[in-house]
Amino acid sequence: MNLNKQKLEIALAKVCKNPYDLCKETGLQYQTYRRVANGDNCKPATVGKIAKALNCDVKELLED
């Protein structure tokens, strides 16, 4: 699964969080966040954790 960087940043802004807050809340390493944000493939569970922390649907974060 690939996340859209722009959609991810918009979702972060909506909940007033920065990437460090997201990593702390989800338990992801910042390095993993950077890879995922830059379009690298990731596990569905990782996308689910991010979407849950951002209070949004997984589909809102995925590449079109």
N, C-alpha and C. Protein backbone atom coordinates (compact mmCIF):
# COMPACT_ATOMS: atom_id res chain seq x y z
N MET A 1 0.85 -1.17 0.00
CA MET A 1 0.00 0.00 0.00
C MET A 1 0.89 1.24 0.00
N ASN A 2 0.48 2.23 -0.75
CA ASN A 2 1.24 3.47 -0.83
C ASN A 2 0.37 4.64 -0.40
N LEU A 3 0.92 5.48 0.47
CA LEU A 3 0.21 6.66 0.92
C LEU A 3 0.54 7.85 0.03
N ASN A 4 -0.41 8.75 -0.10
CA ASN A 4 -0.21 9.99 -0.82
C ASN A 4 0.32 11.01 0.19
N LYS A 5 1.49 11.56 -0.07
CA LYS A 5 2.13 12.48 0.88
C LYS A 5 1.27 13.70 1.16
N GLN A 6 0.69 14.27 0.12
CA GLN A 6 -0.12 15.47 0.31
C GLN A 6 -1.36 15.17 1.16
N LYS A 7 -2.00 14.04 0.89
CA LYS A 7 -3.18 13.67 1.68
C LYS A 7 -2.80 13.41 3.13
N LEU A 8 -1.64 12.81 3.36
CA LEU A 8 -1.17 12.55 4.71
C LEU A 8 -0.92 13.86 5.45
N GLU A 9 -0.29 14.82 4.78
CA GLU A 9 -0.02 16.11 5.41
C GLU A 9 -1.31 16.87 5.72
N ILE A 10 -2.29 16.77 4.85
CA ILE A 10 -3.59 17.42 5.09
C ILE A 10 -4.26 16.80 6.30
N ALA A 11 -4.23 15.47 6.39
CA ALA A 11 -4.84 14.77 7.54
C ALA A 11 -4.13 15.16 8.83
N LEU A 12 -2.82 15.30 8.80
CA LEU A 12 -2.07 15.74 9.98
C LEU A 12 -2.50 17.15 10.40
N ALA A 13 -2.65 18.02 9.42
CA ALA A 13 -3.05 19.40 9.71
C ALA A 13 -4.45 19.47 10.31
N LYS A 14 -5.35 18.62 9.82
CA LYS A 14 -6.73 18.63 10.33
C LYS A 14 -6.80 18.32 11.82
N VAL A 15 -5.90 17.45 12.29
CA VAL A 15 -5.93 17.08 13.71
C VAL A 15 -4.84 17.80 14.50
N CYS A 16 -4.20 18.79 13.86
CA CYS A 16 -3.17 19.62 14.51
C CYS A 16 -2.04 18.81 15.12
N LYS A 17 -1.52 17.87 14.35
CA LYS A 17 -0.41 17.03 14.79
C LYS A 17 0.75 17.19 13.82
N ASN A 18 1.95 16.94 14.33
CA ASN A 18 3.11 16.89 13.46
C ASN A 18 3.57 15.44 13.37
N PRO A 19 4.48 15.14 12.46
CA PRO A 19 4.92 13.75 12.30
C PRO A 19 5.46 13.11 13.58
N TYR A 20 6.14 13.90 14.40
CA TYR A 20 6.68 13.35 15.64
C TYR A 20 5.56 12.92 16.60
N ASP A 21 4.50 13.73 16.69
CA ASP A 21 3.35 13.37 17.51
C ASP A 21 2.71 12.08 17.00
N LEU A 22 2.58 11.99 15.69
CA LEU A 22 1.98 10.80 15.07
C LEU A 22 2.80 9.55 15.40
N CYS A 23 4.11 9.66 15.27
CA CYS A 23 4.98 8.52 15.56
C CYS A 23 4.89 8.10 17.01
N LYS A 24 4.85 9.07 17.90
CA LYS A 24 4.75 8.78 19.33
C LYS A 24 3.44 8.07 19.64
N GLU A 25 2.35 8.54 19.04
CA GLU A 25 1.03 7.97 19.31
C GLU A 25 0.87 6.57 18.71
N THR A 26 1.43 6.35 17.53
CA THR A 26 1.24 5.07 16.85
C THR A 26 2.31 4.04 17.18
N GLY A 27 3.44 4.50 17.72
CA GLY A 27 4.55 3.59 18.01
C GLY A 27 5.44 3.33 16.80
N LEU A 28 5.22 4.09 15.72
CA LEU A 28 6.06 3.96 14.54
C LEU A 28 7.38 4.69 14.75
N GLN A 29 8.42 4.18 14.16
CA GLN A 29 9.68 4.90 14.17
C GLN A 29 9.58 6.03 13.16
N TYR A 30 10.27 7.14 13.44
CA TYR A 30 10.20 8.28 12.54
C TYR A 30 10.74 7.90 11.16
N GLN A 31 11.74 7.07 11.12
CA GLN A 31 12.31 6.62 9.85
C GLN A 31 11.25 5.89 9.01
N THR A 32 10.43 5.09 9.66
CA THR A 32 9.34 4.40 8.96
C THR A 32 8.34 5.41 8.43
N TYR A 33 8.01 6.39 9.24
CA TYR A 33 7.09 7.44 8.79
C TYR A 33 7.62 8.13 7.54
N ARG A 34 8.89 8.49 7.53
CA ARG A 34 9.50 9.19 6.39
C ARG A 34 9.43 8.33 5.13
N ARG A 35 9.71 7.03 5.26
CA ARG A 35 9.64 6.14 4.10
C ARG A 35 8.22 6.08 3.55
N VAL A 36 7.27 5.90 4.44
CA VAL A 36 5.86 5.79 4.05
C VAL A 36 5.38 7.11 3.44
N ALA A 37 5.75 8.23 4.04
CA ALA A 37 5.32 9.54 3.55
C ALA A 37 5.91 9.85 2.18
N ASN A 38 7.06 9.29 1.89
CA ASN A 38 7.70 9.53 0.60
C ASN A 38 7.27 8.53 -0.48
N GLY A 39 6.25 7.73 -0.19
CA GLY A 39 5.66 6.88 -1.21
C GLY A 39 6.14 5.45 -1.25
N ASP A 40 6.98 5.04 -0.29
CA ASP A 40 7.40 3.64 -0.26
C ASP A 40 6.23 2.76 0.16
N ASN A 41 6.29 1.52 -0.25
CA ASN A 41 5.26 0.55 0.08
C ASN A 41 5.28 0.26 1.58
N CYS A 42 4.12 0.03 2.15
CA CYS A 42 4.05 -0.29 3.58
C CYS A 42 2.95 -1.32 3.83
N LYS A 43 2.97 -1.86 5.02
CA LYS A 43 2.00 -2.88 5.40
C LYS A 43 0.63 -2.25 5.67
N PRO A 44 -0.43 -3.01 5.43
CA PRO A 44 -1.77 -2.51 5.73
C PRO A 44 -1.94 -2.11 7.20
N ALA A 45 -1.28 -2.84 8.10
CA ALA A 45 -1.39 -2.52 9.52
C ALA A 45 -0.81 -1.14 9.82
N THR A 46 0.26 -0.78 9.13
CA THR A 46 0.88 0.53 9.32
C THR A 46 -0.07 1.62 8.86
N VAL A 47 -0.68 1.44 7.72
CA VAL A 47 -1.65 2.41 7.21
C VAL A 47 -2.82 2.51 8.18
N GLY A 48 -3.26 1.39 8.70
CA GLY A 48 -4.36 1.38 9.66
C GLY A 48 -4.03 2.15 10.92
N LYS A 49 -2.83 1.98 11.44
CA LYS A 49 -2.40 2.71 12.64
C LYS A 49 -2.40 4.22 12.39
N ILE A 50 -1.88 4.60 11.24
CA ILE A 50 -1.81 6.02 10.90
C ILE A 50 -3.21 6.60 10.75
N ALA A 51 -4.08 5.91 10.03
CA ALA A 51 -5.45 6.38 9.82
C ALA A 51 -6.21 6.49 11.14
N LYS A 52 -6.02 5.52 12.00
CA LYS A 52 -6.70 5.54 13.31
C LYS A 52 -6.25 6.73 14.13
N ALA A 53 -4.94 7.00 14.14
CA ALA A 53 -4.41 8.13 14.90
C ALA A 53 -4.88 9.48 14.34
N LEU A 54 -5.17 9.50 13.03
CA LEU A 54 -5.60 10.75 12.39
C LEU A 54 -7.12 10.86 12.28
N ASN A 55 -7.83 9.90 12.85
CA ASN A 55 -9.30 9.89 12.83
C ASN A 55 -9.85 10.01 11.41
N CYS A 56 -9.29 9.23 10.49
CA CYS A 56 -9.78 9.27 9.12
C CYS A 56 -9.84 7.85 8.56
N ASP A 57 -10.46 7.72 7.42
CA ASP A 57 -10.58 6.44 6.75
C ASP A 57 -9.27 6.15 6.00
N VAL A 58 -8.89 4.88 5.94
CA VAL A 58 -7.67 4.48 5.24
C VAL A 58 -7.70 4.97 3.79
N LYS A 59 -8.84 4.90 3.15
CA LYS A 59 -8.97 5.27 1.74
C LYS A 59 -8.61 6.74 1.50
N GLU A 60 -8.78 7.58 2.52
CA GLU A 60 -8.46 9.00 2.38
C GLU A 60 -6.95 9.24 2.25
N LEU A 61 -6.14 8.30 2.67
CA LEU A 61 -4.69 8.48 2.67
C LEU A 61 -3.98 7.81 1.50
N LEU A 62 -4.66 6.92 0.82
CA LEU A 62 -4.00 6.12 -0.23
C LEU A 62 -3.85 6.89 -1.54
N GLU A 63 -2.82 6.48 -2.31
CA GLU A 63 -2.63 7.01 -3.66
C GLU A 63 -3.84 6.67 -4.50
N ASP A 64 -4.18 7.53 -5.41
CA ASP A 64 -5.31 7.28 -6.31
C ASP A 64 -4.92 6.30 -7.39
